[in-house]
C-alpha cells in the first residue's frame, strides 16, 4: 500500500532524507515516526510521482496522515485495521493449534502477534462497528477465536 512507502529503509533514503524508521508495529507510531515517514513519502512522491498533479499527491498524503474526515478515509482506515486484525486472528488460530509446542519459537512468535496486535486492532475497529457493517461482522464473527486467544495463549508483549 502507498502508506507503507514511508517505512522505506534503503540507504539512499537515509542519505537523501536523513532518517528512516522501518515498519513500526501496529498502533505504536509516535508523532516523530509519522513526521519522518512524511518526509520520506514527500521525497519518494517527488522522485516517482512528479508527473501527478499536486492536488492528487496532497490528497494521498492527507489520507495517509489521517488528516481527513471523509468516507474514503474511513474505509481505508478500516481496511488497514481489519488487515492487522485478521492477521492477528490467523496467527492466534495457528498458535492455538500448536499449544503442545509452547517452547517452539514459532508458537511464541505467533502468540505474541496474536495477543498484542489483536487487542490494538480490535480497539481500532470497535468504534467503527456501529457505522460500518463490515467492521461489526468481522469483530462478531471472530469473537470466539479472539476470546480463546486471550484465555489460552501466553501474553508476550
N, C-alpha and C. Protein backbone atom coordinates (compact mmCIF):
# COMPACT_ATOMS: atom_id res chain seq x y z
N UNK A 1 0.84 -1.18 0.00
CA UNK A 1 0.00 0.00 0.00
C UNK A 1 0.89 1.25 0.00
N UNK A 2 0.33 2.31 -0.51
CA UNK A 2 1.07 3.56 -0.63
C UNK A 2 1.52 4.10 0.71
N UNK A 3 0.73 3.89 1.76
CA UNK A 3 1.13 4.43 3.07
C UNK A 3 2.40 3.78 3.59
N UNK A 4 2.74 2.60 3.11
CA UNK A 4 3.94 1.91 3.59
C UNK A 4 5.24 2.47 3.01
N UNK A 5 5.19 3.28 1.98
CA UNK A 5 6.44 3.77 1.39
C UNK A 5 7.23 4.62 2.38
N UNK A 6 6.57 5.21 3.37
CA UNK A 6 7.27 5.99 4.39
C UNK A 6 8.10 5.14 5.33
N UNK A 7 7.94 3.82 5.24
CA UNK A 7 8.70 2.89 6.08
C UNK A 7 9.97 2.38 5.39
N UNK A 8 10.26 2.94 4.23
CA UNK A 8 11.41 2.54 3.44
C UNK A 8 12.70 2.77 4.22
N UNK A 9 13.60 1.79 4.26
CA UNK A 9 14.86 1.91 4.99
C UNK A 9 16.08 1.84 4.08
N UNK A 10 15.89 2.03 2.80
CA UNK A 10 17.01 1.95 1.86
C UNK A 10 18.06 3.00 2.21
N UNK A 11 19.32 2.66 2.02
CA UNK A 11 20.42 3.59 2.33
C UNK A 11 20.31 4.89 1.54
N UNK A 12 19.79 4.83 0.33
CA UNK A 12 19.61 6.05 -0.47
C UNK A 12 18.59 6.99 0.21
N UNK A 13 17.58 6.41 0.81
CA UNK A 13 16.59 7.22 1.54
C UNK A 13 17.25 7.87 2.75
N UNK A 14 18.04 7.11 3.47
CA UNK A 14 18.75 7.66 4.62
C UNK A 14 19.65 8.82 4.20
N UNK A 15 20.37 8.65 3.09
CA UNK A 15 21.25 9.71 2.61
C UNK A 15 20.47 10.94 2.14
N UNK A 16 19.34 10.73 1.49
CA UNK A 16 18.56 11.84 0.92
C UNK A 16 17.70 12.56 1.95
N UNK A 17 17.11 11.80 2.86
CA UNK A 17 16.14 12.37 3.80
C UNK A 17 16.78 12.62 5.17
N UNK A 18 17.79 11.82 5.51
CA UNK A 18 18.46 11.98 6.80
C UNK A 18 17.96 11.07 7.90
N UNK A 19 16.96 10.25 7.60
CA UNK A 19 16.43 9.33 8.61
C UNK A 19 15.57 8.27 7.94
N UNK A 20 15.45 7.14 8.60
CA UNK A 20 14.49 6.09 8.23
C UNK A 20 13.95 5.53 9.54
N UNK A 21 12.79 4.84 9.46
CA UNK A 21 12.25 4.26 10.69
C UNK A 21 11.87 2.80 10.55
N UNK A 22 11.65 2.33 9.34
CA UNK A 22 11.22 0.95 9.16
C UNK A 22 9.76 0.77 9.51
N UNK A 23 9.38 -0.47 9.72
CA UNK A 23 7.99 -0.82 10.00
C UNK A 23 7.76 -0.82 11.50
N UNK A 24 7.04 0.16 12.00
CA UNK A 24 6.71 0.25 13.42
C UNK A 24 5.48 -0.64 13.66
N UNK A 25 5.48 -1.44 14.74
CA UNK A 25 4.33 -2.30 15.00
C UNK A 25 3.01 -1.54 15.06
N UNK A 26 1.95 -2.21 14.65
CA UNK A 26 0.62 -1.62 14.59
C UNK A 26 0.26 -0.93 15.91
N UNK A 27 -0.17 0.33 15.81
CA UNK A 27 -0.62 1.08 16.97
C UNK A 27 0.47 1.69 17.82
N UNK A 28 1.72 1.64 17.36
CA UNK A 28 2.83 2.13 18.19
C UNK A 28 3.60 3.30 17.57
N UNK A 29 3.10 3.88 16.50
CA UNK A 29 3.80 5.01 15.88
C UNK A 29 3.64 6.26 16.71
N UNK A 30 4.72 6.99 16.84
CA UNK A 30 4.71 8.25 17.57
C UNK A 30 4.64 9.40 16.56
N UNK A 31 4.36 10.62 17.03
CA UNK A 31 4.39 11.77 16.11
C UNK A 31 5.74 11.92 15.41
N UNK A 32 6.83 11.60 16.10
CA UNK A 32 8.16 11.67 15.48
C UNK A 32 8.27 10.67 14.32
N UNK A 33 7.80 9.44 14.54
CA UNK A 33 7.80 8.44 13.47
C UNK A 33 7.00 8.95 12.27
N UNK A 34 5.82 9.51 12.55
CA UNK A 34 4.96 9.99 11.46
C UNK A 34 5.59 11.14 10.69
N UNK A 35 6.32 12.00 11.38
CA UNK A 35 6.99 13.11 10.70
C UNK A 35 8.10 12.60 9.77
N UNK A 36 8.85 11.61 10.23
CA UNK A 36 9.90 11.02 9.38
C UNK A 36 9.28 10.34 8.18
N UNK A 37 8.21 9.58 8.40
CA UNK A 37 7.52 8.93 7.28
C UNK A 37 7.04 9.95 6.26
N UNK A 38 6.51 11.08 6.73
CA UNK A 38 6.02 12.12 5.81
C UNK A 38 7.16 12.68 4.97
N UNK A 39 8.32 12.87 5.58
CA UNK A 39 9.49 13.36 4.82
C UNK A 39 9.90 12.35 3.75
N UNK A 40 9.89 11.07 4.12
CA UNK A 40 10.26 10.02 3.17
C UNK A 40 9.24 9.95 2.03
N UNK A 41 7.96 10.01 2.37
CA UNK A 41 6.93 9.99 1.32
C UNK A 41 7.08 11.18 0.39
N UNK A 42 7.30 12.36 0.95
CA UNK A 42 7.47 13.56 0.11
C UNK A 42 8.63 13.37 -0.85
N UNK A 43 9.72 12.82 -0.35
CA UNK A 43 10.89 12.57 -1.21
C UNK A 43 10.55 11.58 -2.33
N UNK A 44 9.89 10.48 -1.96
CA UNK A 44 9.56 9.46 -2.95
C UNK A 44 8.47 9.93 -3.91
N UNK A 45 7.48 10.66 -3.42
CA UNK A 45 6.45 11.22 -4.30
C UNK A 45 7.11 12.12 -5.34
N UNK A 46 8.04 12.95 -4.89
CA UNK A 46 8.73 13.85 -5.81
C UNK A 46 9.58 13.07 -6.82
N UNK A 47 10.19 12.01 -6.36
CA UNK A 47 11.05 11.20 -7.23
C UNK A 47 10.27 10.39 -8.26
N UNK A 48 9.19 9.73 -7.81
CA UNK A 48 8.48 8.80 -8.67
C UNK A 48 7.16 9.28 -9.23
N UNK A 49 6.56 10.26 -8.59
CA UNK A 49 5.22 10.71 -9.00
C UNK A 49 5.17 12.18 -9.35
N UNK A 50 6.28 12.74 -9.79
CA UNK A 50 6.32 14.17 -10.10
C UNK A 50 5.40 14.54 -11.26
N UNK A 51 4.99 13.55 -12.04
CA UNK A 51 4.09 13.81 -13.17
C UNK A 51 2.63 13.91 -12.73
N UNK A 52 2.32 13.54 -11.48
CA UNK A 52 0.94 13.61 -11.00
C UNK A 52 0.63 15.01 -10.48
N UNK A 53 -0.62 15.41 -10.57
CA UNK A 53 -0.98 16.75 -10.09
C UNK A 53 -0.75 16.88 -8.59
N UNK A 54 -0.34 18.07 -8.18
CA UNK A 54 -0.07 18.32 -6.75
C UNK A 54 -1.28 18.03 -5.88
N UNK A 55 -2.49 18.34 -6.38
CA UNK A 55 -3.69 18.13 -5.57
C UNK A 55 -3.89 16.65 -5.26
N UNK A 56 -3.51 15.77 -6.22
CA UNK A 56 -3.67 14.34 -6.00
C UNK A 56 -2.68 13.83 -4.96
N UNK A 57 -1.43 14.28 -5.05
CA UNK A 57 -0.43 13.88 -4.07
C UNK A 57 -0.79 14.42 -2.68
N UNK A 58 -1.30 15.64 -2.65
CA UNK A 58 -1.73 16.22 -1.36
C UNK A 58 -2.88 15.41 -0.77
N UNK A 59 -3.80 14.99 -1.62
CA UNK A 59 -4.93 14.17 -1.16
C UNK A 59 -4.44 12.83 -0.61
N UNK A 60 -3.51 12.20 -1.31
CA UNK A 60 -2.93 10.93 -0.82
C UNK A 60 -2.29 11.14 0.54
N UNK A 61 -1.50 12.19 0.66
CA UNK A 61 -0.83 12.47 1.94
C UNK A 61 -1.84 12.74 3.04
N UNK A 62 -2.89 13.45 2.71
CA UNK A 62 -3.95 13.75 3.67
C UNK A 62 -4.59 12.46 4.19
N UNK A 63 -4.87 11.54 3.30
CA UNK A 63 -5.48 10.26 3.69
C UNK A 63 -4.51 9.43 4.53
N UNK A 64 -3.25 9.38 4.11
CA UNK A 64 -2.25 8.60 4.82
C UNK A 64 -2.04 9.13 6.24
N UNK A 65 -2.01 10.45 6.39
CA UNK A 65 -1.77 11.07 7.70
C UNK A 65 -3.02 11.14 8.58
N UNK A 66 -4.13 10.70 8.06
CA UNK A 66 -5.40 10.75 8.80
C UNK A 66 -5.83 12.20 9.06
N UNK A 67 -5.51 13.09 8.12
CA UNK A 67 -5.92 14.49 8.20
C UNK A 67 -7.16 14.72 7.36
N UNK A 68 -8.07 13.78 7.39
CA UNK A 68 -9.24 13.84 6.54
C UNK A 68 -10.42 13.22 7.28
N UNK A 69 -11.57 13.79 7.11
CA UNK A 69 -12.76 13.25 7.74
C UNK A 69 -13.78 12.97 6.64
N UNK A 70 -13.56 11.85 5.94
CA UNK A 70 -14.42 11.52 4.82
C UNK A 70 -14.67 10.01 4.80
N UNK A 71 -15.71 9.59 4.08
CA UNK A 71 -15.93 8.14 3.95
C UNK A 71 -14.74 7.42 3.32
N UNK A 72 -14.04 8.07 2.40
CA UNK A 72 -12.85 7.45 1.80
C UNK A 72 -11.82 7.15 2.87
N UNK A 73 -11.55 8.12 3.72
CA UNK A 73 -10.60 7.91 4.81
C UNK A 73 -11.07 6.77 5.72
N UNK A 74 -12.34 6.80 6.08
CA UNK A 74 -12.88 5.78 6.98
C UNK A 74 -12.69 4.38 6.41
N UNK A 75 -13.05 4.20 5.15
CA UNK A 75 -12.96 2.88 4.53
C UNK A 75 -11.51 2.42 4.43
N UNK A 76 -10.59 3.31 4.07
CA UNK A 76 -9.17 2.93 4.00
C UNK A 76 -8.63 2.59 5.39
N UNK A 77 -9.03 3.33 6.40
CA UNK A 77 -8.59 3.06 7.76
C UNK A 77 -9.12 1.71 8.24
N UNK A 78 -10.39 1.47 8.00
CA UNK A 78 -10.99 0.19 8.41
C UNK A 78 -10.31 -0.97 7.69
N UNK A 79 -10.05 -0.80 6.41
CA UNK A 79 -9.39 -1.88 5.65
C UNK A 79 -8.01 -2.17 6.23
N UNK A 80 -7.27 -1.14 6.57
CA UNK A 80 -5.94 -1.32 7.15
C UNK A 80 -6.03 -2.02 8.51
N UNK A 81 -6.91 -1.52 9.37
CA UNK A 81 -7.07 -2.11 10.70
C UNK A 81 -7.61 -3.53 10.62
N UNK A 82 -8.52 -3.78 9.68
CA UNK A 82 -9.07 -5.12 9.50
C UNK A 82 -7.97 -6.09 9.06
N UNK A 83 -7.08 -5.62 8.21
CA UNK A 83 -5.96 -6.47 7.78
C UNK A 83 -5.08 -6.87 8.96
N UNK A 84 -4.79 -5.91 9.82
CA UNK A 84 -3.99 -6.21 11.01
C UNK A 84 -4.74 -7.18 11.93
N UNK A 85 -6.03 -6.95 12.11
CA UNK A 85 -6.83 -7.80 12.98
C UNK A 85 -6.91 -9.22 12.43
N UNK A 86 -7.17 -9.35 11.13
CA UNK A 86 -7.28 -10.69 10.53
C UNK A 86 -5.95 -11.43 10.61
N UNK A 87 -4.85 -10.73 10.41
CA UNK A 87 -3.54 -11.36 10.53
C UNK A 87 -3.32 -11.87 11.94
N UNK A 88 -3.69 -11.06 12.93
CA UNK A 88 -3.53 -11.47 14.33
C UNK A 88 -4.43 -12.67 14.66
N UNK A 89 -5.65 -12.67 14.15
CA UNK A 89 -6.56 -13.80 14.39
C UNK A 89 -6.01 -15.07 13.74
N UNK A 90 -5.49 -14.96 12.51
CA UNK A 90 -4.90 -16.14 11.86
C UNK A 90 -3.71 -16.66 12.67
N UNK A 91 -2.88 -15.74 13.14
CA UNK A 91 -1.73 -16.14 13.97
C UNK A 91 -2.21 -16.84 15.23
N UNK A 92 -3.28 -16.32 15.82
CA UNK A 92 -3.84 -16.93 17.02
C UNK A 92 -4.36 -18.33 16.77
N UNK A 93 -5.05 -18.51 15.65
CA UNK A 93 -5.56 -19.84 15.32
C UNK A 93 -4.41 -20.83 15.16
N UNK A 94 -3.34 -20.40 14.49
CA UNK A 94 -2.18 -21.28 14.33
C UNK A 94 -1.53 -21.59 15.67
N UNK A 95 -1.41 -20.58 16.52
CA UNK A 95 -0.81 -20.80 17.84
C UNK A 95 -1.68 -21.72 18.69
N UNK A 96 -3.00 -21.52 18.65
CA UNK A 96 -3.91 -22.38 19.42
C UNK A 96 -3.80 -23.83 18.98
N UNK A 97 -3.58 -24.05 17.70
CA UNK A 97 -3.47 -25.43 17.21
C UNK A 97 -2.11 -26.05 17.52
N UNK A 98 -1.16 -25.23 17.96
CA UNK A 98 0.19 -25.73 18.25
C UNK A 98 0.54 -25.57 19.72
N UNK A 99 -0.45 -25.60 20.60
CA UNK A 99 -0.18 -25.36 22.03
C UNK A 99 0.72 -26.40 22.68
N UNK A 100 0.82 -27.57 22.10
CA UNK A 100 1.71 -28.59 22.63
C UNK A 100 3.18 -28.24 22.42
N UNK A 101 3.43 -27.23 21.64
CA UNK A 101 4.81 -26.84 21.31
C UNK A 101 5.16 -25.49 21.94
N UNK A 102 4.81 -25.27 23.19
CA UNK A 102 4.93 -23.95 23.84
C UNK A 102 6.35 -23.41 23.89
N UNK A 103 7.35 -24.25 23.78
CA UNK A 103 8.72 -23.75 23.80
C UNK A 103 9.23 -23.46 22.38
N UNK A 104 8.46 -23.83 21.40
CA UNK A 104 8.80 -23.64 19.99
C UNK A 104 8.80 -22.15 19.65
N UNK A 105 9.83 -21.68 18.96
CA UNK A 105 9.93 -20.25 18.60
C UNK A 105 8.74 -19.81 17.75
N UNK A 106 8.26 -20.68 16.90
CA UNK A 106 7.11 -20.35 16.05
C UNK A 106 5.87 -20.10 16.90
N UNK A 107 5.62 -20.96 17.88
CA UNK A 107 4.48 -20.80 18.78
C UNK A 107 4.59 -19.48 19.54
N UNK A 108 5.77 -19.18 20.05
CA UNK A 108 5.98 -17.95 20.82
C UNK A 108 5.74 -16.72 19.94
N UNK A 109 6.26 -16.74 18.72
CA UNK A 109 6.08 -15.59 17.80
C UNK A 109 4.61 -15.43 17.42
N UNK A 110 3.93 -16.52 17.11
CA UNK A 110 2.52 -16.45 16.76
C UNK A 110 1.68 -15.95 17.93
N UNK A 111 2.00 -16.43 19.13
CA UNK A 111 1.28 -15.98 20.32
C UNK A 111 1.48 -14.50 20.57
N UNK A 112 2.70 -14.04 20.41
CA UNK A 112 2.99 -12.62 20.62
C UNK A 112 2.22 -11.75 19.62
N UNK A 113 2.24 -12.16 18.37
CA UNK A 113 1.50 -11.42 17.34
C UNK A 113 0.01 -11.42 17.65
N UNK A 114 -0.52 -12.59 17.96
CA UNK A 114 -1.96 -12.72 18.20
C UNK A 114 -2.41 -11.91 19.40
N UNK A 115 -1.70 -12.00 20.51
CA UNK A 115 -2.16 -11.35 21.73
C UNK A 115 -1.94 -9.84 21.72
N UNK A 116 -0.87 -9.38 21.11
CA UNK A 116 -0.61 -7.93 21.14
C UNK A 116 -1.34 -7.19 20.03
N UNK A 117 -1.25 -7.67 18.81
CA UNK A 117 -1.85 -6.95 17.68
C UNK A 117 -3.37 -7.06 17.70
N UNK A 118 -3.91 -8.21 18.10
CA UNK A 118 -5.37 -8.36 18.06
C UNK A 118 -6.06 -7.34 18.97
N UNK A 119 -5.49 -7.06 20.12
CA UNK A 119 -6.10 -6.09 21.04
C UNK A 119 -6.07 -4.69 20.44
N UNK A 120 -4.90 -4.27 19.95
CA UNK A 120 -4.80 -2.92 19.38
C UNK A 120 -5.69 -2.78 18.16
N UNK A 121 -5.74 -3.80 17.31
CA UNK A 121 -6.58 -3.73 16.11
C UNK A 121 -8.06 -3.76 16.48
N UNK A 122 -8.42 -4.57 17.46
CA UNK A 122 -9.82 -4.62 17.91
C UNK A 122 -10.25 -3.25 18.41
N UNK A 123 -9.41 -2.64 19.23
CA UNK A 123 -9.72 -1.31 19.76
C UNK A 123 -9.84 -0.27 18.65
N UNK A 124 -9.06 -0.43 17.59
CA UNK A 124 -9.14 0.49 16.46
C UNK A 124 -10.42 0.28 15.65
N UNK A 125 -10.87 -0.97 15.54
CA UNK A 125 -12.06 -1.29 14.74
C UNK A 125 -13.37 -1.08 15.50
N UNK A 126 -13.35 -1.28 16.79
CA UNK A 126 -14.60 -1.25 17.56
C UNK A 126 -15.42 0.04 17.37
N UNK A 127 -14.81 1.23 17.35
CA UNK A 127 -15.62 2.44 17.15
C UNK A 127 -16.35 2.48 15.81
N UNK A 128 -15.87 1.74 14.83
CA UNK A 128 -16.49 1.74 13.50
C UNK A 128 -17.63 0.74 13.40
N UNK A 129 -17.77 -0.16 14.36
CA UNK A 129 -18.74 -1.25 14.26
C UNK A 129 -20.18 -0.77 14.16
N UNK A 130 -20.51 0.36 14.76
CA UNK A 130 -21.88 0.87 14.67
C UNK A 130 -22.16 1.57 13.34
N UNK A 131 -21.12 1.99 12.65
CA UNK A 131 -21.28 2.74 11.41
C UNK A 131 -21.11 1.86 10.18
N UNK A 132 -20.18 0.93 10.24
CA UNK A 132 -19.86 0.10 9.07
C UNK A 132 -20.09 -1.37 9.40
N UNK A 133 -21.02 -2.00 8.68
CA UNK A 133 -21.37 -3.40 8.92
C UNK A 133 -20.17 -4.33 8.82
N UNK A 134 -19.25 -4.02 7.89
CA UNK A 134 -18.09 -4.88 7.72
C UNK A 134 -17.30 -5.00 9.03
N UNK A 135 -17.09 -3.88 9.70
CA UNK A 135 -16.33 -3.90 10.96
C UNK A 135 -17.09 -4.71 12.01
N UNK A 136 -18.39 -4.50 12.11
CA UNK A 136 -19.21 -5.23 13.07
C UNK A 136 -19.18 -6.73 12.78
N UNK A 137 -19.34 -7.10 11.53
CA UNK A 137 -19.34 -8.52 11.14
C UNK A 137 -17.99 -9.16 11.43
N UNK A 138 -16.91 -8.47 11.13
CA UNK A 138 -15.58 -9.02 11.37
C UNK A 138 -15.36 -9.26 12.86
N UNK A 139 -15.70 -8.29 13.69
CA UNK A 139 -15.50 -8.45 15.13
C UNK A 139 -16.41 -9.53 15.70
N UNK A 140 -17.67 -9.56 15.27
CA UNK A 140 -18.62 -10.55 15.78
C UNK A 140 -18.23 -11.96 15.34
N UNK A 141 -17.83 -12.11 14.09
CA UNK A 141 -17.53 -13.45 13.56
C UNK A 141 -16.25 -14.04 14.16
N UNK A 142 -15.41 -13.22 14.74
CA UNK A 142 -14.16 -13.72 15.32
C UNK A 142 -14.16 -13.65 16.84
N UNK A 143 -15.30 -13.35 17.44
CA UNK A 143 -15.38 -13.16 18.89
C UNK A 143 -14.89 -14.38 19.66
N UNK A 144 -15.32 -15.57 19.27
CA UNK A 144 -14.91 -16.78 19.99
C UNK A 144 -13.41 -17.00 19.88
N UNK A 145 -12.86 -16.85 18.68
CA UNK A 145 -11.42 -17.03 18.49
C UNK A 145 -10.65 -15.98 19.29
N UNK A 146 -11.11 -14.73 19.24
CA UNK A 146 -10.46 -13.65 19.98
C UNK A 146 -10.43 -13.98 21.48
N UNK A 147 -11.54 -14.44 22.00
CA UNK A 147 -11.63 -14.81 23.42
C UNK A 147 -10.68 -15.96 23.74
N UNK A 148 -10.65 -16.98 22.90
CA UNK A 148 -9.76 -18.12 23.12
C UNK A 148 -8.29 -17.70 23.08
N UNK A 149 -7.96 -16.81 22.17
CA UNK A 149 -6.58 -16.32 22.08
C UNK A 149 -6.16 -15.72 23.42
N UNK A 150 -7.03 -14.89 23.98
CA UNK A 150 -6.65 -14.18 25.20
C UNK A 150 -6.84 -14.99 26.48
N UNK A 151 -7.53 -16.11 26.39
CA UNK A 151 -7.66 -17.01 27.55
C UNK A 151 -6.59 -18.09 27.56
N UNK A 152 -6.20 -18.55 26.36
CA UNK A 152 -5.36 -19.74 26.28
C UNK A 152 -3.90 -19.49 25.90
N UNK A 153 -3.62 -18.36 25.29
CA UNK A 153 -2.24 -18.11 24.84
C UNK A 153 -1.53 -17.19 25.83
N UNK A 154 -0.22 -17.41 25.96
CA UNK A 154 0.54 -16.52 26.84
C UNK A 154 0.64 -15.13 26.22
N UNK A 155 0.48 -14.12 27.03
CA UNK A 155 0.61 -12.75 26.54
C UNK A 155 2.09 -12.39 26.53
N UNK A 156 2.62 -12.21 25.35
CA UNK A 156 4.05 -11.92 25.20
C UNK A 156 4.15 -10.60 24.45
N UNK A 157 4.21 -9.52 25.17
CA UNK A 157 4.23 -8.21 24.51
C UNK A 157 5.63 -7.67 24.38
